[in-house]
Amino acid sequence: MATLLHSAETGRTTSPFAHVIEAATNMLGLWRQRIVTRRELGYLDDRMLQDIGFNRLDAEREMSKPFWRE
């Protein structure tokens, strides 16, 4: 027997599996955002980094992190 959840916001009935898919999709989106953001740090010059409160060493540290690490 499948358990169904009702979403009051949308009025739709969804399975618990849909919540797992949504969470996985959100995690993949976050990982992608980290990849892009960290890559873009490499294009900034020292003045631009200073504007966002970073220096070259901070940027290098951030860019060297794997995408799954915050």
C-alpha atoms as a PDB file:
ATOM      1  CA  MET A   1       0.000   0.000   0.000  1.00  0.00           C
ATOM      2  CA  ALA A   2       1.457   3.347  -1.033  1.00  0.00           C
ATOM      3  CA  THR A   3       1.315   6.296   1.308  1.00  0.00           C
ATOM      4  CA  LEU A   4       0.310   9.552  -0.323  1.00  0.00           C
ATOM      5  CA  LEU A   5       0.860  13.024   1.004  1.00  0.00           C
ATOM      6  CA  HIS A   6      -1.377  15.961   0.258  1.00  0.00           C
ATOM      7  CA  SER A   7       0.206  19.334  -0.329  1.00  0.00           C
ATOM      8  CA  ALA A   8      -2.033  22.140   0.918  1.00  0.00           C
ATOM      9  CA  GLU A   9      -0.058  24.677  -1.112  1.00  0.00           C
ATOM     10  CA  THR A  10      -0.673  23.097  -4.497  1.00  0.00           C
ATOM     11  CA  GLY A  11      -3.671  20.912  -3.778  1.00  0.00           C
ATOM     12  CA  ARG A  12      -1.799  17.976  -5.324  1.00  0.00           C
ATOM     13  CA  THR A  13      -1.240  14.549  -3.846  1.00  0.00           C
ATOM     14  CA  THR A  14       2.376  13.366  -4.028  1.00  0.00           C
ATOM     15  CA  SER A  15       4.196  10.231  -3.009  1.00  0.00           C
ATOM     16  CA  PRO A  16       7.047  10.224  -0.493  1.00  0.00           C
ATOM     17  CA  PHE A  17       9.312   9.269  -3.398  1.00  0.00           C
ATOM     18  CA  ALA A  18       8.578  12.641  -5.002  1.00  0.00           C
ATOM     19  CA  HIS A  19      10.033  14.350  -1.930  1.00  0.00           C
ATOM     20  CA  VAL A  20      13.218  12.307  -2.274  1.00  0.00           C
ATOM     21  CA  ILE A  21      13.485  13.299  -5.939  1.00  0.00           C
ATOM     22  CA  GLU A  22      12.905  16.942  -5.054  1.00  0.00           C
ATOM     23  CA  ALA A  23      15.590  16.859  -2.339  1.00  0.00           C
ATOM     24  CA  ALA A  24      18.063  15.206  -4.725  1.00  0.00           C
ATOM     25  CA  THR A  25      17.302  17.763  -7.419  1.00  0.00           C
ATOM     26  CA  ASN A  26      17.830  20.599  -4.947  1.00  0.00           C
ATOM     27  CA  MET A  27      21.165  19.100  -3.855  1.00  0.00           C
ATOM     28  CA  LEU A  28      22.337  18.750  -7.455  1.00  0.00           C
ATOM     29  CA  GLY A  29      21.379  22.368  -8.102  1.00  0.00           C
ATOM     30  CA  LEU A  30      23.338  23.509  -5.060  1.00  0.00           C
ATOM     31  CA  TRP A  31      26.387  21.518  -6.161  1.00  0.00           C
ATOM     32  CA  ARG A  32      26.162  23.022  -9.659  1.00  0.00           C
ATOM     33  CA  GLN A  33      25.899  26.513  -8.199  1.00  0.00           C
ATOM     34  CA  ARG A  34      29.031  25.925  -6.102  1.00  0.00           C
ATOM     35  CA  ILE A  35      30.951  24.703  -9.160  1.00  0.00           C
ATOM     36  CA  VAL A  36      30.000  27.763 -11.203  1.00  0.00           C
ATOM     37  CA  THR A  37      30.574  30.248  -8.372  1.00  0.00           C
ATOM     38  CA  ARG A  38      33.974  28.838  -7.486  1.00  0.00           C
ATOM     39  CA  ARG A  39      35.032  28.846 -11.129  1.00  0.00           C
ATOM     40  CA  GLU A  40      33.961  32.481 -11.485  1.00  0.00           C
ATOM     41  CA  LEU A  41      36.161  33.481  -8.532  1.00  0.00           C
ATOM     42  CA  GLY A  42      39.138  32.635 -10.726  1.00  0.00           C
ATOM     43  CA  TYR A  43      38.147  35.333 -13.213  1.00  0.00           C
ATOM     44  CA  LEU A  44      38.113  38.132 -10.642  1.00  0.00           C
ATOM     45  CA  ASP A  45      41.111  40.423 -10.258  1.00  0.00           C
ATOM     46  CA  ASP A  46      42.421  41.480  -6.853  1.00  0.00           C
ATOM     47  CA  ARG A  47      40.353  44.676  -6.802  1.00  0.00           C
ATOM     48  CA  MET A  48      37.145  42.768  -7.514  1.00  0.00           C
ATOM     49  CA  LEU A  49      37.999  40.200  -4.855  1.00  0.00           C
ATOM     50  CA  GLN A  50      38.602  42.998  -2.364  1.00  0.00           C
ATOM     51  CA  ASP A  51      35.150  44.401  -3.198  1.00  0.00           C
ATOM     52  CA  ILE A  52      33.547  41.140  -2.037  1.00  0.00           C
ATOM     53  CA  GLY A  53      35.770  40.816   1.015  1.00  0.00           C
ATOM     54  CA  PHE A  54      38.163  38.220  -0.395  1.00  0.00           C
ATOM     55  CA  ASN A  55      41.840  38.256  -1.173  1.00  0.00           C
ATOM     56  CA  ARG A  56      43.670  36.016  -3.636  1.00  0.00           C
ATOM     57  CA  LEU A  57      44.447  33.395  -0.945  1.00  0.00           C
ATOM     58  CA  ASP A  58      40.790  33.255   0.146  1.00  0.00           C
ATOM     59  CA  ALA A  59      39.725  32.787  -3.472  1.00  0.00           C
ATOM     60  CA  GLU A  60      42.285  30.031  -4.051  1.00  0.00           C
ATOM     61  CA  ARG A  61      41.111  28.198  -0.918  1.00  0.00           C
ATOM     62  CA  GLU A  62      37.478  28.454  -1.980  1.00  0.00           C
ATOM     63  CA  MET A  63      38.200  27.339  -5.535  1.00  0.00           C
ATOM     64  CA  SER A  64      40.137  24.294  -4.306  1.00  0.00           C
ATOM     65  CA  LYS A  65      37.182  22.926  -2.323  1.00  0.00           C
ATOM     66  CA  PRO A  66      35.254  20.016  -3.836  1.00  0.00           C
ATOM     67  CA  PHE A  67      31.718  20.910  -4.923  1.00  0.00           C
ATOM     68  CA  TRP A  68      30.104  18.864  -2.153  1.00  0.00           C
ATOM     69  CA  ARG A  69      31.912  20.786   0.599  1.00  0.00           C
ATOM     70  CA  GLU A  70      30.416  23.990   1.913  1.00  0.00           C
END
